[in-house]
N, C-alpha and C. Protein backbone atom coordinates (compact mmCIF):
# COMPACT_ATOMS: atom_id res chain seq x y z
N MET A 1 33.89 43.10 10.75
CA MET A 1 34.96 41.71 11.08
C MET A 1 35.68 41.85 9.57
N PRO A 2 36.80 42.01 9.27
CA PRO A 2 37.13 41.53 7.93
C PRO A 2 36.89 39.85 7.60
N GLN A 3 36.92 40.06 6.09
CA GLN A 3 36.59 38.52 5.39
C GLN A 3 37.56 37.53 5.70
N VAL A 4 37.53 35.98 5.72
CA VAL A 4 38.83 35.47 5.79
C VAL A 4 39.01 34.33 3.97
N GLN A 5 39.85 34.88 3.33
CA GLN A 5 40.16 34.51 2.45
C GLN A 5 40.51 32.97 2.46
N SER A 6 39.97 32.28 1.36
CA SER A 6 40.82 30.62 1.36
C SER A 6 41.75 30.75 0.45
N ILE A 7 42.64 30.23 0.96
CA ILE A 7 44.31 30.09 0.21
C ILE A 7 43.95 29.01 -0.67
N PRO A 8 44.71 29.18 -2.33
CA PRO A 8 43.89 28.34 -3.47
C PRO A 8 45.29 27.51 -3.61
N THR A 9 44.93 25.93 -3.85
CA THR A 9 46.18 25.10 -3.43
C THR A 9 46.50 25.29 -4.84
N PRO A 10 48.03 25.12 -4.76
CA PRO A 10 49.13 24.58 -6.26
C PRO A 10 48.40 23.64 -7.05
N ALA A 11 47.86 24.63 -8.68
CA ALA A 11 48.05 23.52 -9.28
C ALA A 11 48.83 21.75 -9.34
N ALA A 12 49.71 21.58 -9.31
CA ALA A 12 50.19 20.24 -9.05
C ALA A 12 50.07 19.66 -7.56
N ALA A 13 49.85 19.84 -6.70
CA ALA A 13 48.84 19.28 -5.56
C ALA A 13 47.49 18.81 -6.31
N THR A 14 46.53 19.73 -7.03
CA THR A 14 45.63 18.85 -7.71
C THR A 14 45.73 17.94 -8.63
N SER A 15 47.05 18.38 -9.49
CA SER A 15 47.20 16.94 -10.58
C SER A 15 48.15 16.14 -10.36
N ALA A 16 48.38 16.30 -9.01
CA ALA A 16 49.41 14.98 -9.05
C ALA A 16 48.80 13.24 -9.28
N PRO A 17 47.92 13.03 -9.21
CA PRO A 17 46.82 11.43 -9.15
C PRO A 17 47.12 11.44 -10.20
N ALA A 18 46.62 12.72 -11.75
CA ALA A 18 47.13 12.90 -12.51
C ALA A 18 48.33 12.94 -13.30
N HIS A 19 49.16 12.76 -12.48
CA HIS A 19 50.69 12.54 -12.91
C HIS A 19 50.97 11.58 -13.07
N ARG A 20 50.68 11.36 -11.73
CA ARG A 20 50.82 9.25 -11.31
C ARG A 20 50.42 8.94 -12.89
N GLY A 21 49.83 8.98 -13.41
CA GLY A 21 48.88 8.13 -14.02
C GLY A 21 49.16 8.33 -15.40
N ALA A 22 49.99 9.62 -16.01
CA ALA A 22 50.68 9.47 -16.69
C ALA A 22 51.59 8.92 -16.89
N THR A 23 52.35 9.22 -15.57
CA THR A 23 53.95 8.54 -15.84
C THR A 23 54.00 6.91 -15.68
N ARG A 24 53.08 6.38 -15.02
CA ARG A 24 52.23 5.60 -15.44
C ARG A 24 52.53 4.61 -16.35
N GLU A 25 51.68 5.11 -16.99
CA GLU A 25 51.07 4.98 -18.95
C GLU A 25 52.34 5.05 -19.22
N ILE A 26 53.38 6.04 -18.78
CA ILE A 26 54.23 6.35 -20.40
C ILE A 26 55.15 4.92 -19.49
N THR A 27 55.04 4.24 -18.29
CA THR A 27 56.23 3.80 -18.11
C THR A 27 55.82 2.11 -18.48
N ARG A 28 54.81 2.02 -18.62
CA ARG A 28 53.77 0.49 -18.70
C ARG A 28 54.17 0.51 -20.36
N THR A 29 54.36 1.55 -21.48
CA THR A 29 54.31 1.89 -22.68
C THR A 29 55.52 1.47 -22.72
N VAL A 30 56.86 1.81 -22.25
CA VAL A 30 58.24 1.80 -22.51
C VAL A 30 58.57 0.05 -21.76
N ALA A 31 57.82 -0.36 -21.55
CA ALA A 31 57.73 -2.28 -20.45
C ALA A 31 57.19 -3.08 -21.84
N ARG A 32 56.07 -2.20 -22.35
CA ARG A 32 55.84 -2.85 -23.52
C ARG A 32 56.37 -3.16 -24.47
N TRP A 33 57.26 -1.97 -24.74
CA TRP A 33 58.30 -2.08 -26.38
C TRP A 33 59.76 -2.44 -25.48
N THR A 34 59.85 -2.53 -24.53
CA THR A 34 61.06 -3.61 -23.58
C THR A 34 60.82 -4.71 -24.26
N ASN A 35 59.63 -5.32 -24.09
CA ASN A 35 59.22 -6.97 -24.12
C ASN A 35 59.07 -6.88 -26.03
N ARG A 36 58.94 -6.26 -26.55
CA ARG A 36 58.97 -6.80 -27.95
C ARG A 36 59.82 -6.72 -28.21
N ILE A 37 61.03 -5.78 -27.52
CA ILE A 37 62.16 -6.53 -27.96
C ILE A 37 62.69 -7.63 -27.34
N VAL A 38 62.23 -8.16 -26.13
CA VAL A 38 62.88 -9.76 -25.69
C VAL A 38 62.16 -10.15 -26.87
N LEU A 39 60.93 -10.52 -27.17
CA LEU A 39 60.03 -11.17 -28.47
C LEU A 39 61.21 -11.23 -29.13
N ALA A 40 61.48 -9.92 -30.22
CA ALA A 40 62.53 -10.51 -31.16
C ALA A 40 63.53 -10.82 -30.46
N ALA A 41 64.09 -10.69 -29.88
CA ALA A 41 65.87 -11.09 -29.48
C ALA A 41 65.30 -12.70 -28.99
N THR A 42 64.27 -12.88 -29.15
CA THR A 42 63.80 -14.88 -28.30
C THR A 42 63.46 -15.44 -30.02
N ILE A 43 63.27 -14.54 -30.80
CA ILE A 43 62.82 -15.05 -32.43
C ILE A 43 63.86 -15.24 -33.27
N ALA A 44 65.35 -14.05 -32.84
CA ALA A 44 66.87 -13.76 -33.13
C ALA A 44 67.50 -15.30 -33.23
N GLN A 45 67.40 -15.33 -31.79
CA GLN A 45 67.44 -16.96 -30.76
C GLN A 45 67.60 -17.69 -31.95
N PHE A 46 66.32 -17.83 -32.43
CA PHE A 46 66.39 -19.38 -33.19
C PHE A 46 67.17 -19.05 -34.44
N TYR A 47 66.67 -18.63 -35.13
CA TYR A 47 67.61 -17.73 -36.40
C TYR A 47 69.18 -18.00 -35.67
N THR A 48 69.82 -17.63 -35.09
CA THR A 48 70.90 -17.30 -34.92
C THR A 48 71.46 -18.95 -33.93
N ALA A 49 70.85 -19.72 -34.15
CA ALA A 49 71.13 -21.12 -33.37
C ALA A 49 71.54 -22.19 -34.78
N GLY A 50 70.58 -21.76 -35.50
CA GLY A 50 70.42 -22.22 -37.07
C GLY A 50 71.40 -21.85 -37.97
N LEU A 51 71.65 -20.82 -37.99
CA LEU A 51 72.74 -20.21 -38.28
C LEU A 51 74.56 -21.38 -37.82
N ALA A 52 74.43 -21.42 -36.87
CA ALA A 52 75.16 -22.00 -36.00
C ALA A 52 75.19 -23.36 -36.43
N VAL A 53 74.06 -24.41 -36.02
CA VAL A 53 74.13 -25.80 -36.50
C VAL A 53 74.46 -25.98 -37.59
N PHE A 54 74.60 -24.96 -39.09
CA PHE A 54 74.43 -25.87 -40.47
C PHE A 54 75.95 -24.98 -40.82
N GLY A 55 76.67 -24.22 -39.90
CA GLY A 55 78.04 -23.63 -40.42
C GLY A 55 78.12 -22.77 -40.64
N ALA A 56 76.64 -21.63 -40.78
CA ALA A 56 76.99 -20.51 -41.42
C ALA A 56 77.27 -19.61 -40.32
N ALA A 57 77.94 -19.53 -39.39
CA ALA A 57 78.09 -19.04 -38.39
C ALA A 57 78.34 -19.31 -36.93
N SER A 58 79.02 -18.99 -35.94
CA SER A 58 79.90 -19.19 -34.93
C SER A 58 78.52 -19.43 -34.20
N PHE A 59 78.38 -20.24 -32.61
CA PHE A 59 77.32 -20.23 -31.64
C PHE A 59 77.78 -18.39 -31.02
N ARG A 60 78.27 -17.58 -31.09
CA ARG A 60 78.24 -15.94 -30.48
C ARG A 60 77.42 -15.42 -31.17
N MET A 61 76.60 -14.75 -31.75
CA MET A 61 75.95 -13.99 -32.55
C MET A 61 74.30 -14.80 -30.91
N HIS A 62 74.52 -16.13 -31.43
CA HIS A 62 73.38 -16.60 -29.83
C HIS A 62 73.41 -16.54 -28.74
N ASN A 63 75.10 -16.36 -28.53
CA ASN A 63 75.36 -16.10 -27.13
C ASN A 63 74.65 -14.46 -26.97
N VAL A 64 75.35 -13.74 -27.77
CA VAL A 64 75.63 -12.28 -27.36
C VAL A 64 73.65 -11.79 -27.46
N THR A 65 72.93 -12.49 -28.39
CA THR A 65 71.33 -12.33 -28.45
C THR A 65 71.22 -12.73 -27.26
N GLY A 66 71.15 -14.21 -26.38
CA GLY A 66 70.52 -14.41 -25.92
C GLY A 66 70.91 -13.43 -24.84
N ARG A 67 72.85 -12.71 -24.21
CA ARG A 67 72.97 -11.77 -22.86
C ARG A 67 72.18 -10.65 -22.87
N PHE A 68 71.58 -9.82 -24.10
CA PHE A 68 70.91 -8.68 -24.65
C PHE A 68 69.19 -9.40 -24.16
N MET A 69 68.81 -10.42 -24.49
CA MET A 69 67.67 -10.46 -24.08
C MET A 69 67.19 -11.03 -22.59
N VAL A 70 68.32 -11.32 -21.58
CA VAL A 70 68.36 -11.32 -20.00
C VAL A 70 68.25 -9.74 -20.02
N LEU A 71 69.17 -8.72 -20.14
CA LEU A 71 69.16 -7.96 -19.56
C LEU A 71 67.50 -7.20 -19.92
N ALA A 72 67.34 -6.89 -21.15
CA ALA A 72 65.79 -6.52 -21.95
C ALA A 72 64.48 -6.85 -21.21
N SER A 73 65.03 -8.43 -20.92
CA SER A 73 63.66 -8.88 -19.68
C SER A 73 64.03 -8.71 -18.38
N LEU A 74 64.83 -7.98 -17.92
CA LEU A 74 64.74 -7.65 -16.12
C LEU A 74 64.68 -5.98 -16.54
N GLY A 75 65.39 -5.02 -18.01
CA GLY A 75 64.19 -4.56 -17.98
C GLY A 75 62.92 -4.51 -17.94
N THR A 76 61.74 -4.66 -18.69
CA THR A 76 61.31 -5.41 -18.54
C THR A 76 60.27 -5.54 -17.15
N MET A 77 60.59 -6.46 -16.75
CA MET A 77 60.59 -6.49 -15.45
C MET A 77 60.24 -5.66 -14.45
N THR A 78 61.15 -4.67 -14.55
CA THR A 78 61.91 -3.82 -13.87
C THR A 78 60.59 -2.31 -13.83
N LEU A 79 60.42 -1.96 -15.36
CA LEU A 79 59.61 -1.29 -15.30
C LEU A 79 57.82 -1.25 -15.46
N LEU A 80 57.52 -2.45 -15.67
CA LEU A 80 56.46 -3.80 -14.48
C LEU A 80 56.23 -3.19 -13.36
N LEU A 81 57.02 -3.06 -12.19
CA LEU A 81 57.86 -3.13 -11.04
C LEU A 81 56.84 -1.57 -10.85
N VAL A 82 57.82 -0.60 -11.79
CA VAL A 82 57.65 0.42 -11.58
C VAL A 82 56.08 1.04 -11.59
N ALA A 83 55.76 1.14 -12.61
CA ALA A 83 54.57 1.09 -12.99
C ALA A 83 53.23 0.54 -12.17
N ARG A 84 54.04 -0.33 -11.48
CA ARG A 84 52.92 -0.79 -10.04
C ARG A 84 51.65 -1.60 -11.00
N VAL A 85 51.95 -1.92 -12.19
CA VAL A 85 50.97 -3.11 -12.62
C VAL A 85 50.34 -4.39 -12.16
N PRO A 86 49.37 -4.76 -11.67
CA PRO A 86 48.47 -5.39 -11.02
C PRO A 86 49.72 -6.89 -11.31
N PHE A 87 49.84 -7.96 -10.32
CA PHE A 87 51.03 -8.93 -10.11
C PHE A 87 50.24 -9.59 -11.40
N ARG A 88 48.98 -9.93 -11.76
CA ARG A 88 48.20 -10.85 -12.73
C ARG A 88 48.94 -10.48 -14.58
N VAL A 89 50.08 -9.68 -14.38
CA VAL A 89 50.20 -9.17 -15.28
C VAL A 89 52.29 -9.29 -15.24
N SER A 90 52.56 -8.45 -14.29
CA SER A 90 54.11 -8.57 -13.94
C SER A 90 54.59 -9.94 -13.48
N ARG A 91 53.60 -11.09 -13.79
CA ARG A 91 53.98 -12.45 -12.97
C ARG A 91 54.63 -13.06 -14.55
N PHE A 92 54.54 -12.59 -14.89
CA PHE A 92 54.60 -13.33 -16.92
C PHE A 92 55.83 -12.72 -17.37
N ALA A 93 56.44 -10.75 -16.71
CA ALA A 93 57.87 -10.90 -17.04
C ALA A 93 58.93 -10.96 -15.95
N ILE A 94 58.22 -11.77 -14.82
CA ILE A 94 59.35 -12.37 -13.58
C ILE A 94 59.95 -13.92 -14.21
N GLY A 95 58.40 -14.32 -15.16
CA GLY A 95 58.76 -15.80 -15.50
C GLY A 95 59.35 -15.74 -16.76
N ILE A 96 59.52 -14.56 -17.33
CA ILE A 96 60.18 -14.44 -18.66
C ILE A 96 61.56 -14.50 -18.40
N LEU A 97 61.78 -13.69 -17.26
CA LEU A 97 63.34 -13.37 -17.04
C LEU A 97 63.59 -15.17 -16.57
N VAL A 98 62.96 -15.57 -15.74
CA VAL A 98 63.36 -16.97 -15.00
C VAL A 98 63.51 -17.95 -16.19
N LEU A 99 63.09 -18.00 -16.85
CA LEU A 99 63.59 -18.72 -18.48
C LEU A 99 64.35 -17.76 -18.89
N ALA A 100 64.64 -16.72 -18.86
CA ALA A 100 65.84 -16.47 -19.88
C ALA A 100 67.07 -16.75 -19.16
N LEU A 101 66.89 -16.39 -17.90
CA LEU A 101 68.33 -16.67 -17.34
C LEU A 101 68.42 -18.49 -16.98
N LEU A 102 67.90 -19.44 -17.09
CA LEU A 102 67.50 -20.81 -17.15
C LEU A 102 68.72 -20.91 -18.32
N GLN A 103 68.01 -20.50 -19.62
CA GLN A 103 68.22 -20.96 -20.76
C GLN A 103 70.28 -21.07 -20.90
N PRO A 104 70.99 -20.42 -20.07
CA PRO A 104 72.40 -21.02 -20.01
C PRO A 104 72.53 -22.20 -18.75
N VAL A 105 71.81 -22.35 -18.36
CA VAL A 105 72.11 -23.55 -17.43
C VAL A 105 71.89 -24.60 -18.24
N LEU A 106 70.79 -24.87 -18.93
CA LEU A 106 69.89 -25.72 -19.88
C LEU A 106 70.91 -25.86 -20.93
N ALA A 107 72.30 -25.36 -20.97
CA ALA A 107 72.57 -25.35 -22.61
C ALA A 107 74.33 -25.88 -21.82
N PHE A 108 74.66 -25.50 -20.91
CA PHE A 108 75.53 -25.74 -20.77
C PHE A 108 75.85 -26.59 -19.30
N GLY A 109 75.19 -26.15 -18.51
CA GLY A 109 74.77 -26.64 -17.41
C GLY A 109 74.89 -28.23 -17.08
N THR A 110 73.77 -28.65 -17.65
CA THR A 110 73.50 -30.07 -17.66
C THR A 110 74.16 -30.79 -18.54
N ARG A 111 74.51 -30.03 -20.15
CA ARG A 111 75.06 -31.09 -21.35
C ARG A 111 75.94 -32.21 -21.16
N ALA A 112 76.56 -32.38 -20.37
CA ALA A 112 77.56 -33.31 -19.80
C ALA A 112 77.14 -34.63 -19.25
N THR A 113 76.20 -33.91 -18.19
CA THR A 113 75.80 -35.01 -16.88
C THR A 113 74.92 -35.28 -17.32
N ALA A 114 73.55 -34.35 -18.28
CA ALA A 114 71.83 -34.88 -18.32
C ALA A 114 71.70 -34.01 -19.88
N PRO A 115 72.08 -35.26 -21.05
CA PRO A 115 71.94 -34.07 -22.05
C PRO A 115 70.77 -34.21 -22.16
N SER A 116 69.33 -34.85 -21.72
CA SER A 116 68.18 -34.81 -22.17
C SER A 116 67.59 -33.99 -21.34
N LEU A 117 67.79 -33.28 -20.53
CA LEU A 117 67.37 -31.70 -19.68
C LEU A 117 67.90 -30.76 -20.61
N SER A 118 69.12 -30.76 -21.02
CA SER A 118 69.92 -29.61 -21.92
C SER A 118 68.95 -30.04 -23.32
N ALA A 119 68.43 -31.06 -24.14
CA ALA A 119 67.43 -30.40 -24.55
C ALA A 119 66.32 -29.68 -24.72
N LEU A 120 66.09 -29.90 -23.55
CA LEU A 120 64.88 -28.61 -23.22
C LEU A 120 65.20 -26.95 -23.77
N HIS A 121 66.90 -27.11 -23.88
CA HIS A 121 66.67 -25.81 -24.29
C HIS A 121 65.97 -24.97 -25.25
N PRO A 122 65.91 -25.70 -26.55
CA PRO A 122 64.76 -24.78 -27.60
C PRO A 122 63.12 -24.93 -27.01
N LEU A 123 62.82 -25.87 -26.13
CA LEU A 123 62.20 -25.99 -25.98
C LEU A 123 61.69 -24.82 -24.86
N ASN A 124 62.51 -24.65 -24.06
CA ASN A 124 62.42 -23.45 -23.29
C ASN A 124 62.79 -21.77 -24.20
N GLY A 125 62.98 -21.90 -24.93
CA GLY A 125 62.58 -20.68 -25.69
C GLY A 125 61.09 -20.96 -26.81
N LEU A 126 61.38 -21.51 -26.78
CA LEU A 126 59.28 -21.27 -26.93
C LEU A 126 59.16 -20.81 -25.98
N ALA A 127 58.81 -21.64 -24.72
CA ALA A 127 58.11 -20.99 -23.86
C ALA A 127 58.21 -19.46 -23.68
N LEU A 128 59.37 -19.08 -24.06
CA LEU A 128 60.15 -17.45 -23.75
C LEU A 128 59.39 -16.73 -24.67
N VAL A 129 58.57 -17.10 -26.26
CA VAL A 129 58.02 -16.51 -27.28
C VAL A 129 56.34 -16.59 -26.73
N ALA A 130 55.75 -18.01 -26.21
CA ALA A 130 54.57 -17.92 -25.74
C ALA A 130 54.94 -16.35 -24.81
N LEU A 131 55.29 -16.83 -23.49
CA LEU A 131 54.86 -15.44 -22.49
C LEU A 131 54.96 -14.35 -22.61
N ALA A 132 56.18 -14.11 -23.99
CA ALA A 132 56.16 -12.82 -24.41
C ALA A 132 54.89 -11.81 -24.95
N VAL A 133 54.94 -13.57 -25.90
CA VAL A 133 53.72 -12.43 -26.45
C VAL A 133 52.15 -12.25 -25.20
N LEU A 134 51.70 -13.56 -24.42
CA LEU A 134 51.18 -13.33 -23.76
C LEU A 134 51.53 -11.93 -22.97
N LEU A 135 52.23 -11.62 -22.52
CA LEU A 135 52.75 -10.63 -21.78
C LEU A 135 52.22 -8.67 -22.26
N ASP A 136 52.37 -9.10 -23.88
CA ASP A 136 52.57 -7.90 -24.67
C ASP A 136 50.74 -7.57 -24.81
N ARG A 137 49.79 -8.94 -24.49
CA ARG A 137 48.17 -8.78 -24.53
C ARG A 137 47.98 -8.31 -22.92
N ARG A 138 48.15 -8.57 -22.13
CA ARG A 138 47.80 -8.32 -20.95
C ARG A 138 48.10 -6.14 -20.30
N ILE A 139 49.31 -6.41 -21.03
CA ILE A 139 49.97 -4.66 -21.06
C ILE A 139 48.75 -4.12 -22.02
N ARG A 140 48.94 -4.67 -22.61
CA ARG A 140 47.74 -3.88 -23.66
C ARG A 140 46.40 -3.13 -23.04
N ASN A 141 45.85 -5.23 -23.12
CA ASN A 141 44.88 -4.87 -22.27
C ASN A 141 44.78 -4.76 -21.81
N GLY A 142 45.15 -4.49 -20.02
CA GLY A 142 45.02 -3.28 -18.82
C GLY A 142 45.86 -1.38 -19.46
N ALA A 143 46.43 -1.14 -20.62
CA ALA A 143 46.20 -0.14 -20.67
C ALA A 143 45.11 0.66 -21.35
N ASP A 144 44.83 -0.54 -21.80
CA ASP A 144 42.85 -0.35 -22.77
C ASP A 144 41.85 0.20 -21.51
N GLN A 145 41.60 -0.83 -20.75
CA GLN A 145 40.99 -0.35 -19.50
C GLN A 145 41.62 0.51 -18.79
N LEU A 146 42.98 0.97 -18.70
CA LEU A 146 43.30 2.29 -17.94
C LEU A 146 42.45 3.67 -19.08
N ALA A 147 43.04 3.15 -19.32
CA ALA A 147 42.17 4.58 -20.94
C ALA A 147 40.58 4.93 -20.99
N GLN A 148 39.93 3.15 -20.50
CA GLN A 148 38.72 3.42 -20.58
C GLN A 148 37.84 4.12 -19.76
N THR A 149 38.54 3.48 -17.95
CA THR A 149 38.39 3.91 -16.94
C THR A 149 38.41 6.00 -16.54
N LEU A 150 39.92 6.30 -17.21
CA LEU A 150 40.07 7.16 -17.34
C LEU A 150 38.96 8.52 -18.01
N SER A 151 38.66 7.49 -19.03
CA SER A 151 37.51 8.71 -20.19
C SER A 151 36.17 8.20 -19.53
N SER A 152 36.01 7.52 -18.20
CA SER A 152 34.68 7.58 -18.23
C SER A 152 34.00 8.26 -17.57
N PRO A 153 32.77 8.79 -17.60
CA PRO A 153 32.58 10.36 -16.41
C PRO A 153 32.39 10.43 -15.44
N THR A 154 32.16 9.03 -15.13
CA THR A 154 32.15 8.60 -13.50
C THR A 154 33.24 8.96 -12.46
N SER A 155 34.60 8.79 -13.75
CA SER A 155 36.00 8.67 -12.91
C SER A 155 36.24 10.23 -12.89
N ARG A 156 35.43 10.78 -13.22
CA ARG A 156 35.91 12.49 -13.34
C ARG A 156 35.76 13.11 -11.97
N ARG A 157 34.57 12.51 -10.92
CA ARG A 157 34.05 13.06 -10.19
C ARG A 157 35.26 13.04 -8.71
């Protein structure tokens, strides 16, 4: 009777989980950098507003930076959802996007009817800075935990 040999499995099939983990890690890293862009743009918002308030420039740069910040926060949130990070992390990105979308509403939508609500515009900016810093820490801590899990001897079984 002839011997039956087992058919070898392709290397790609056996390394699929590792490939997915690497893809998630790259996506998470890119999301962390887009979040840092959001943070830098938010800080730049304070500077460009100061330039405009004190007559050194118009509010155009403040407006352009704000629009860029919305796009970057949308990118961060999307990348984190693609990376399948836990909701305890991605909720910060969702919060950043909501607050970024709220900024023009506070600045323009309520100015004539409720100026005290419009006065929350800079405080909302501070909240954006805080959330971006917290999100950066959460992404970093999640990446550190993932690296520990992947490098532990028990995870190789």
